Amino acid sequence: MSMILTYAIPDLHGRFDLLDQALSLILEHAGGQDARVVTLGDYVDRGPNSREVIEFLMDWPFPSLHLVALKGNHEAMMWEACNNLVETEYWLANGGAATLASYGEFRAGDSIRSLIPEQHLQWISELPSIHADTHRVFVHAGVDPRVPLNQQREQTLLWKRYPRGFSSGHGRRHVVHGHHADERGPVVSKGKTNLDTMAWRTGRLVVGIFRDDALGGGVEFLEVRGTPHAE
């Protein structure tokens, strides 16, 4: 499959409405040509439709768009809570309550595992944490520029926060990430692009477009506007 364009979609946090609009714009922009879509993780928590986002990505319906779905720290928290590796209350307090609500009514004493289909948790467990092509690295949170890509710690890939003003990528590769919300985004520097505009709350989702045959950052951005969401 020969692809020239990669479309990067940042943190959705249960905003299926924004994902749906974004994909309509991407399909129109791609004009029927094969392309790649990289989703940067954080599909769940905070917004209203986490289950719908996961099910849509699991049953990806676009043969001309090759999906690379990456893991975010919120998928990791969800999986860990469902496997008793972190306290359930920790996940619920960090947006997980909205995710549970999208799966059905949760009553005190219920097991969260009983609400969430096993195949959803299996899908989450198999999500990669990083995707690299010739000129770029796509990741949820960030990379350690001093460490080879194949030796990065998952904690870094899912949770890293770059210092303010930090502009380096990873060697010659440009880093494309989300995680660090900035309502004024996207935040673009020479070495990296942060696409996270806190879309779940602002209703504004920005999709970055990157050319496989070109160095550096995005060649264009698509912007989706939806209804702001009150937590």
C-alpha atoms as a PDB file:
ATOM      1  CA  MET A   1       0.000   0.000   0.000  1.00  0.00           C
ATOM      2  CA  SER A   2       1.541   3.295  -1.093  1.00  0.00           C
ATOM      3  CA  MET A   3       0.655   6.153   1.255  1.00  0.00           C
ATOM      4  CA  ILE A   4       1.784   9.748   1.180  1.00  0.00           C
ATOM      5  CA  LEU A   5      -0.319  11.399   3.902  1.00  0.00           C
ATOM      6  CA  THR A   6      -0.604  10.568   7.583  1.00  0.00           C
ATOM      7  CA  TYR A   7      -3.430  12.112   9.607  1.00  0.00           C
ATOM      8  CA  ALA A   8      -2.810  12.302  13.371  1.00  0.00           C
ATOM      9  CA  ILE A   9      -5.823  12.516  15.700  1.00  0.00           C
ATOM     10  CA  PRO A  10      -5.055  13.455  19.330  1.00  0.00           C
ATOM     11  CA  ASP A  11      -6.828  12.797  22.641  1.00  0.00           C
ATOM     12  CA  LEU A  12     -10.562  12.129  22.048  1.00  0.00           C
ATOM     13  CA  HIS A  13     -11.623  11.267  25.617  1.00  0.00           C
ATOM     14  CA  GLY A  14     -14.989   9.860  24.712  1.00  0.00           C
ATOM     15  CA  ARG A  15     -15.914  12.499  22.111  1.00  0.00           C
ATOM     16  CA  PHE A  16     -17.200  10.196  19.391  1.00  0.00           C
ATOM     17  CA  ASP A  17     -18.960  13.167  17.789  1.00  0.00           C
ATOM     18  CA  LEU A  18     -15.605  14.856  17.151  1.00  0.00           C
ATOM     19  CA  LEU A  19     -14.044  11.648  15.825  1.00  0.00           C
ATOM     20  CA  ASP A  20     -16.940  11.216  13.409  1.00  0.00           C
ATOM     21  CA  GLN A  21     -16.576  14.773  12.113  1.00  0.00           C
ATOM     22  CA  ALA A  22     -12.804  14.458  11.857  1.00  0.00           C
ATOM     23  CA  LEU A  23     -13.029  11.315   9.756  1.00  0.00           C
ATOM     24  CA  SER A  24     -15.481  12.979   7.384  1.00  0.00           C
ATOM     25  CA  LEU A  25     -12.943  15.770   6.855  1.00  0.00           C
ATOM     26  CA  ILE A  26     -10.087  13.284   6.452  1.00  0.00           C
ATOM     27  CA  LEU A  27     -11.960  11.225   3.848  1.00  0.00           C
ATOM     28  CA  GLU A  28     -12.772  14.377   1.908  1.00  0.00           C
ATOM     29  CA  HIS A  29      -9.190  15.651   2.140  1.00  0.00           C
ATOM     30  CA  ALA A  30      -7.677  12.297   1.098  1.00  0.00           C
ATOM     31  CA  GLY A  31      -9.915  12.266  -1.964  1.00  0.00           C
ATOM     32  CA  GLY A  32     -10.114   8.495  -2.200  1.00  0.00           C
ATOM     33  CA  GLN A  33      -6.349   7.983  -2.013  1.00  0.00           C
ATOM     34  CA  ASP A  34      -4.863   5.527   0.458  1.00  0.00           C
ATOM     35  CA  ALA A  35      -3.686   7.270   3.611  1.00  0.00           C
ATOM     36  CA  ARG A  36      -2.727   6.488   7.196  1.00  0.00           C
ATOM     37  CA  VAL A  37      -4.602   7.581  10.311  1.00  0.00           C
ATOM     38  CA  VAL A  38      -2.675   7.554  13.586  1.00  0.00           C
ATOM     39  CA  THR A  39      -4.792   8.010  16.693  1.00  0.00           C
ATOM     40  CA  LEU A  40      -2.626   9.171  19.581  1.00  0.00           C
ATOM     41  CA  GLY A  41      -4.436   7.481  22.463  1.00  0.00           C
ATOM     42  CA  ASP A  42      -6.744   8.605  25.271  1.00  0.00           C
ATOM     43  CA  TYR A  43      -9.928   7.335  23.684  1.00  0.00           C
ATOM     44  CA  VAL A  44     -11.630   6.908  27.058  1.00  0.00           C
ATOM     45  CA  ASP A  45     -12.529   8.910  30.197  1.00  0.00           C
ATOM     46  CA  ARG A  46     -14.016  12.363  30.787  1.00  0.00           C
ATOM     47  CA  GLY A  47     -16.219  12.655  27.707  1.00  0.00           C
ATOM     48  CA  PRO A  48     -19.560  10.872  27.220  1.00  0.00           C
ATOM     49  CA  ASN A  49     -18.943   8.144  24.618  1.00  0.00           C
ATOM     50  CA  SER A  50     -15.828   6.139  25.484  1.00  0.00           C
ATOM     51  CA  ARG A  51     -17.405   2.800  24.606  1.00  0.00           C
ATOM     52  CA  GLU A  52     -18.505   4.071  21.192  1.00  0.00           C
ATOM     53  CA  VAL A  53     -15.010   5.366  20.403  1.00  0.00           C
ATOM     54  CA  ILE A  54     -13.394   2.030  21.305  1.00  0.00           C
ATOM     55  CA  GLU A  55     -15.937  -0.024  19.353  1.00  0.00           C
ATOM     56  CA  PHE A  56     -15.541   2.194  16.303  1.00  0.00           C
ATOM     57  CA  LEU A  57     -11.752   1.860  16.326  1.00  0.00           C
ATOM     58  CA  MET A  58     -11.988  -1.894  16.886  1.00  0.00           C
ATOM     59  CA  ASP A  59     -14.298  -2.253  13.873  1.00  0.00           C
ATOM     60  CA  TRP A  60     -12.559   0.321  11.666  1.00  0.00           C
ATOM     61  CA  PRO A  61     -14.717   0.693   8.540  1.00  0.00           C
ATOM     62  CA  PHE A  62     -12.424   2.539   6.087  1.00  0.00           C
ATOM     63  CA  PRO A  63     -10.371   0.270   3.789  1.00  0.00           C
ATOM     64  CA  SER A  64      -8.551   3.234   2.214  1.00  0.00           C
ATOM     65  CA  LEU A  65      -7.412   4.571   5.597  1.00  0.00           C
ATOM     66  CA  HIS A  66      -4.841   2.408   7.362  1.00  0.00           C
ATOM     67  CA  LEU A  67      -5.410   2.791  11.123  1.00  0.00           C
ATOM     68  CA  VAL A  68      -2.573   2.866  13.646  1.00  0.00           C
ATOM     69  CA  ALA A  69      -4.224   3.161  17.070  1.00  0.00           C
ATOM     70  CA  LEU A  70      -1.757   3.988  19.846  1.00  0.00           C
ATOM     71  CA  LYS A  71      -2.211   3.534  23.583  1.00  0.00           C
ATOM     72  CA  GLY A  72      -2.676   6.506  25.909  1.00  0.00           C
ATOM     73  CA  ASN A  73      -2.232   6.731  29.648  1.00  0.00           C
ATOM     74  CA  HIS A  74      -6.013   6.635  30.160  1.00  0.00           C
ATOM     75  CA  GLU A  75      -6.320   3.284  28.371  1.00  0.00           C
ATOM     76  CA  ALA A  76      -3.479   2.058  30.574  1.00  0.00           C
ATOM     77  CA  MET A  77      -5.294   3.251  33.705  1.00  0.00           C
ATOM     78  CA  MET A  78      -8.532   1.621  32.577  1.00  0.00           C
ATOM     79  CA  TRP A  79      -6.824  -1.704  31.899  1.00  0.00           C
ATOM     80  CA  GLU A  80      -4.908  -1.596  35.181  1.00  0.00           C
ATOM     81  CA  ALA A  81      -8.062  -0.784  37.179  1.00  0.00           C
ATOM     82  CA  CYS A  82      -9.906  -3.674  35.543  1.00  0.00           C
ATOM     83  CA  ASN A  83      -7.029  -5.994  36.434  1.00  0.00           C
ATOM     84  CA  ASN A  84      -6.667  -4.801  40.040  1.00  0.00           C
ATOM     85  CA  LEU A  85      -3.282  -3.213  39.411  1.00  0.00           C
ATOM     86  CA  VAL A  86      -4.422   0.251  40.542  1.00  0.00           C
ATOM     87  CA  GLU A  87      -7.213   1.259  42.871  1.00  0.00           C
ATOM     88  CA  THR A  88     -10.554   1.515  41.072  1.00  0.00           C
ATOM     89  CA  GLU A  89     -11.177   4.875  42.772  1.00  0.00           C
ATOM     90  CA  TYR A  90      -7.984   6.288  41.230  1.00  0.00           C
ATOM     91  CA  TRP A  91      -9.258   5.552  37.728  1.00  0.00           C
ATOM     92  CA  LEU A  92     -12.809   6.711  38.461  1.00  0.00           C
ATOM     93  CA  ALA A  93     -11.545  10.017  39.848  1.00  0.00           C
ATOM     94  CA  ASN A  94      -9.466  10.602  36.699  1.00  0.00           C
ATOM     95  CA  GLY A  95     -12.359  10.385  34.260  1.00  0.00           C
ATOM     96  CA  GLY A  96     -13.126   6.688  34.521  1.00  0.00           C
ATOM     97  CA  ALA A  97     -16.592   7.315  35.942  1.00  0.00           C
ATOM     98  CA  ALA A  98     -17.658   8.722  32.569  1.00  0.00           C
ATOM     99  CA  THR A  99     -16.227   5.658  30.832  1.00  0.00           C
ATOM    100  CA  LEU A 100     -18.145   3.285  33.087  1.00  0.00           C
ATOM    101  CA  ALA A 101     -21.329   5.266  32.455  1.00  0.00           C
ATOM    102  CA  SER A 102     -20.894   4.691  28.718  1.00  0.00           C
ATOM    103  CA  TYR A 103     -20.940   0.919  29.385  1.00  0.00           C
ATOM    104  CA  GLY A 104     -24.048   0.908  31.541  1.00  0.00           C
ATOM    105  CA  GLU A 105     -25.255   1.489  35.073  1.00  0.00           C
ATOM    106  CA  PHE A 106     -22.627   0.837  37.712  1.00  0.00           C
ATOM    107  CA  ARG A 107     -23.858   0.108  41.211  1.00  0.00           C
ATOM    108  CA  ALA A 108     -21.889  -0.002  44.431  1.00  0.00           C
ATOM    109  CA  GLY A 109     -20.548  -3.498  44.939  1.00  0.00           C
ATOM    110  CA  ASP A 110     -20.459  -4.285  41.220  1.00  0.00           C
ATOM    111  CA  SER A 111     -17.216  -5.369  39.613  1.00  0.00           C
ATOM    112  CA  ILE A 112     -16.077  -2.929  36.942  1.00  0.00           C
ATOM    113  CA  ARG A 113     -14.822  -5.956  35.027  1.00  0.00           C
ATOM    114  CA  SER A 114     -18.420  -7.190  34.730  1.00  0.00           C
ATOM    115  CA  LEU A 115     -19.423  -4.089  32.745  1.00  0.00           C
ATOM    116  CA  ILE A 116     -16.570  -3.923  30.238  1.00  0.00           C
ATOM    117  CA  PRO A 117     -16.391  -6.583  27.502  1.00  0.00           C
ATOM    118  CA  GLU A 118     -13.292  -8.751  27.661  1.00  0.00           C
ATOM    119  CA  GLN A 119     -12.498  -8.084  23.997  1.00  0.00           C
ATOM    120  CA  HIS A 120     -12.264  -4.350  24.743  1.00  0.00           C
ATOM    121  CA  LEU A 121      -9.673  -4.973  27.443  1.00  0.00           C
ATOM    122  CA  GLN A 122      -7.810  -7.367  25.150  1.00  0.00           C
ATOM    123  CA  TRP A 123      -7.751  -4.713  22.411  1.00  0.00           C
ATOM    124  CA  ILE A 124      -6.360  -2.150  24.853  1.00  0.00           C
ATOM    125  CA  SER A 125      -3.673  -4.565  26.056  1.00  0.00           C
ATOM    126  CA  GLU A 126      -2.437  -5.049  22.488  1.00  0.00           C
ATOM    127  CA  LEU A 127      -2.251  -1.375  21.504  1.00  0.00           C
ATOM    128  CA  PRO A 128       1.274  -0.230  20.578  1.00  0.00           C
ATOM    129  CA  SER A 129       2.737   2.741  22.460  1.00  0.00           C
ATOM    130  CA  ILE A 130       4.761   4.225  19.591  1.00  0.00           C
ATOM    131  CA  HIS A 131       4.761   4.432  15.794  1.00  0.00           C
ATOM    132  CA  ALA A 132       7.736   5.661  13.788  1.00  0.00           C
ATOM    133  CA  ASP A 133       8.152   6.283  10.085  1.00  0.00           C
ATOM    134  CA  THR A 134      11.076   7.713   8.134  1.00  0.00           C
ATOM    135  CA  HIS A 135      10.697  11.283   9.343  1.00  0.00           C
ATOM    136  CA  ARG A 136       8.481  11.179  12.447  1.00  0.00           C
ATOM    137  CA  VAL A 137       7.659   9.532  15.739  1.00  0.00           C
ATOM    138  CA  PHE A 138       4.005   9.335  16.782  1.00  0.00           C
ATOM    139  CA  VAL A 139       3.344   8.789  20.483  1.00  0.00           C
ATOM    140  CA  HIS A 140       0.752   9.674  23.097  1.00  0.00           C
ATOM    141  CA  ALA A 141       2.857  11.734  25.495  1.00  0.00           C
ATOM    142  CA  GLY A 142       6.490  11.973  24.451  1.00  0.00           C
ATOM    143  CA  VAL A 143       9.862  10.313  24.058  1.00  0.00           C
ATOM    144  CA  ASP A 144      13.189  10.598  25.831  1.00  0.00           C
ATOM    145  CA  PRO A 145      15.463  12.169  23.183  1.00  0.00           C
ATOM    146  CA  ARG A 146      18.536  10.494  24.760  1.00  0.00           C
ATOM    147  CA  VAL A 147      17.214   6.939  24.452  1.00  0.00           C
ATOM    148  CA  PRO A 148      16.869   4.849  21.242  1.00  0.00           C
ATOM    149  CA  LEU A 149      13.263   4.414  20.152  1.00  0.00           C
ATOM    150  CA  ASN A 150      13.339   0.660  20.730  1.00  0.00           C
ATOM    151  CA  GLN A 151      14.485   1.187  24.331  1.00  0.00           C
ATOM    152  CA  GLN A 152      11.905   3.792  25.427  1.00  0.00           C
ATOM    153  CA  ARG A 153      10.060   3.045  28.664  1.00  0.00           C
ATOM    154  CA  GLU A 154       6.279   2.780  28.377  1.00  0.00           C
ATOM    155  CA  GLN A 155       5.989   5.124  31.362  1.00  0.00           C
ATOM    156  CA  THR A 156       7.730   7.787  29.258  1.00  0.00           C
ATOM    157  CA  LEU A 157       5.664   7.144  26.123  1.00  0.00           C
ATOM    158  CA  LEU A 158       2.348   7.352  28.000  1.00  0.00           C
ATOM    159  CA  TRP A 159       2.991   9.913  30.747  1.00  0.00           C
ATOM    160  CA  LYS A 160       5.897  12.239  29.824  1.00  0.00           C
ATOM    161  CA  ARG A 161       5.413  15.997  30.120  1.00  0.00           C
ATOM    162  CA  TYR A 162       7.854  18.096  28.118  1.00  0.00           C
ATOM    163  CA  PRO A 163       9.221  21.161  29.912  1.00  0.00           C
ATOM    164  CA  ARG A 164       7.760  24.465  28.735  1.00  0.00           C
ATOM    165  CA  GLY A 165       9.609  25.693  25.676  1.00  0.00           C
ATOM    166  CA  PHE A 166      11.242  22.332  24.934  1.00  0.00           C
ATOM    167  CA  SER A 167      11.457  22.079  21.146  1.00  0.00           C
ATOM    168  CA  SER A 168      13.598  19.036  20.298  1.00  0.00           C
ATOM    169  CA  GLY A 169      12.359  15.902  18.580  1.00  0.00           C
ATOM    170  CA  HIS A 170      14.140  12.564  18.540  1.00  0.00           C
ATOM    171  CA  GLY A 171      17.321  12.861  16.527  1.00  0.00           C
ATOM    172  CA  ARG A 172      16.292  13.817  12.994  1.00  0.00           C
ATOM    173  CA  ARG A 173      12.715  12.713  13.556  1.00  0.00           C
ATOM    174  CA  HIS A 174       9.866  15.103  14.371  1.00  0.00           C
ATOM    175  CA  VAL A 175       7.760  13.975  17.358  1.00  0.00           C
ATOM    176  CA  VAL A 176       3.959  14.157  17.088  1.00  0.00           C
ATOM    177  CA  HIS A 177       2.121  13.803  20.390  1.00  0.00           C
ATOM    178  CA  GLY A 178      -0.893  14.712  22.512  1.00  0.00           C
ATOM    179  CA  HIS A 179      -1.364  14.371  26.301  1.00  0.00           C
ATOM    180  CA  HIS A 180      -0.271  17.889  27.266  1.00  0.00           C
ATOM    181  CA  ALA A 181      -3.472  19.877  26.819  1.00  0.00           C
ATOM    182  CA  ASP A 182      -3.237  23.433  25.523  1.00  0.00           C
ATOM    183  CA  GLU A 183      -6.473  25.052  24.396  1.00  0.00           C
ATOM    184  CA  ARG A 184      -4.487  27.389  22.124  1.00  0.00           C
ATOM    185  CA  GLY A 185      -2.872  24.459  20.275  1.00  0.00           C
ATOM    186  CA  PRO A 186      -1.575  22.975  18.173  1.00  0.00           C
ATOM    187  CA  VAL A 187       1.822  23.874  19.635  1.00  0.00           C
ATOM    188  CA  VAL A 188       4.449  23.481  16.919  1.00  0.00           C
ATOM    189  CA  SER A 189       8.212  23.775  17.220  1.00  0.00           C
ATOM    190  CA  LYS A 190      11.114  22.672  15.062  1.00  0.00           C
ATOM    191  CA  GLY A 191      11.305  19.232  16.631  1.00  0.00           C
ATOM    192  CA  LYS A 192       7.777  18.390  17.727  1.00  0.00           C
ATOM    193  CA  THR A 193       4.060  19.038  17.406  1.00  0.00           C
ATOM    194  CA  ASN A 194       1.609  18.842  20.308  1.00  0.00           C
ATOM    195  CA  LEU A 195      -1.924  18.366  18.943  1.00  0.00           C
ATOM    196  CA  ASP A 196      -3.847  18.144  22.232  1.00  0.00           C
ATOM    197  CA  THR A 197      -6.311  21.045  22.456  1.00  0.00           C
ATOM    198  CA  MET A 198      -8.371  19.508  25.296  1.00  0.00           C
ATOM    199  CA  ALA A 199     -10.994  18.642  22.684  1.00  0.00           C
ATOM    200  CA  TRP A 200     -13.176  16.700  25.119  1.00  0.00           C
ATOM    201  CA  ARG A 201     -13.931  19.956  26.953  1.00  0.00           C
ATOM    202  CA  THR A 202     -13.414  22.677  24.338  1.00  0.00           C
ATOM    203  CA  GLY A 203     -15.157  20.887  21.472  1.00  0.00           C
ATOM    204  CA  ARG A 204     -12.196  21.851  19.260  1.00  0.00           C
ATOM    205  CA  LEU A 205     -10.210  18.953  17.785  1.00  0.00           C
ATOM    206  CA  VAL A 206      -7.159  19.550  15.578  1.00  0.00           C
ATOM    207  CA  VAL A 207      -5.917  16.859  13.179  1.00  0.00           C
ATOM    208  CA  GLY A 208      -2.329  17.144  11.945  1.00  0.00           C
ATOM    209  CA  ILE A 209      -1.478  16.183   8.356  1.00  0.00           C
ATOM    210  CA  PHE A 210       2.049  14.938   7.640  1.00  0.00           C
ATOM    211  CA  ARG A 211       3.671  13.987   4.340  1.00  0.00           C
ATOM    212  CA  ASP A 212       5.624  10.741   4.332  1.00  0.00           C
ATOM    213  CA  ASP A 213       8.114  12.234   1.870  1.00  0.00           C
ATOM    214  CA  ALA A 214       8.703  15.518   3.742  1.00  0.00           C
ATOM    215  CA  LEU A 215      10.760  16.359   6.812  1.00  0.00           C
ATOM    216  CA  GLY A 216       9.448  18.114   9.880  1.00  0.00           C
ATOM    217  CA  GLY A 217       6.027  19.110  11.089  1.00  0.00           C
ATOM    218  CA  GLY A 218       2.577  19.124   9.602  1.00  0.00           C
ATOM    219  CA  VAL A 219       1.876  20.462   6.153  1.00  0.00           C
ATOM    220  CA  GLU A 220      -1.687  21.325   7.114  1.00  0.00           C
ATOM    221  CA  PHE A 221      -4.208  21.050   9.952  1.00  0.00           C
ATOM    222  CA  LEU A 222      -7.870  20.146   9.901  1.00  0.00           C
ATOM    223  CA  GLU A 223     -10.049  21.651  12.622  1.00  0.00           C
ATOM    224  CA  VAL A 224     -13.269  20.190  13.969  1.00  0.00           C
ATOM    225  CA  ARG A 225     -15.642  22.326  16.018  1.00  0.00           C
ATOM    226  CA  GLY A 226     -18.201  20.725  18.278  1.00  0.00           C
ATOM    227  CA  THR A 227     -20.136  21.561  21.406  1.00  0.00           C
ATOM    228  CA  PRO A 228     -18.045  22.259  24.514  1.00  0.00           C
ATOM    229  CA  HIS A 229     -18.525  19.705  27.261  1.00  0.00           C
ATOM    230  CA  ALA A 230     -18.961  20.353  30.969  1.00  0.00           C
ATOM    231  CA  GLU A 231     -17.440  17.618  33.115  1.00  0.00           C
END
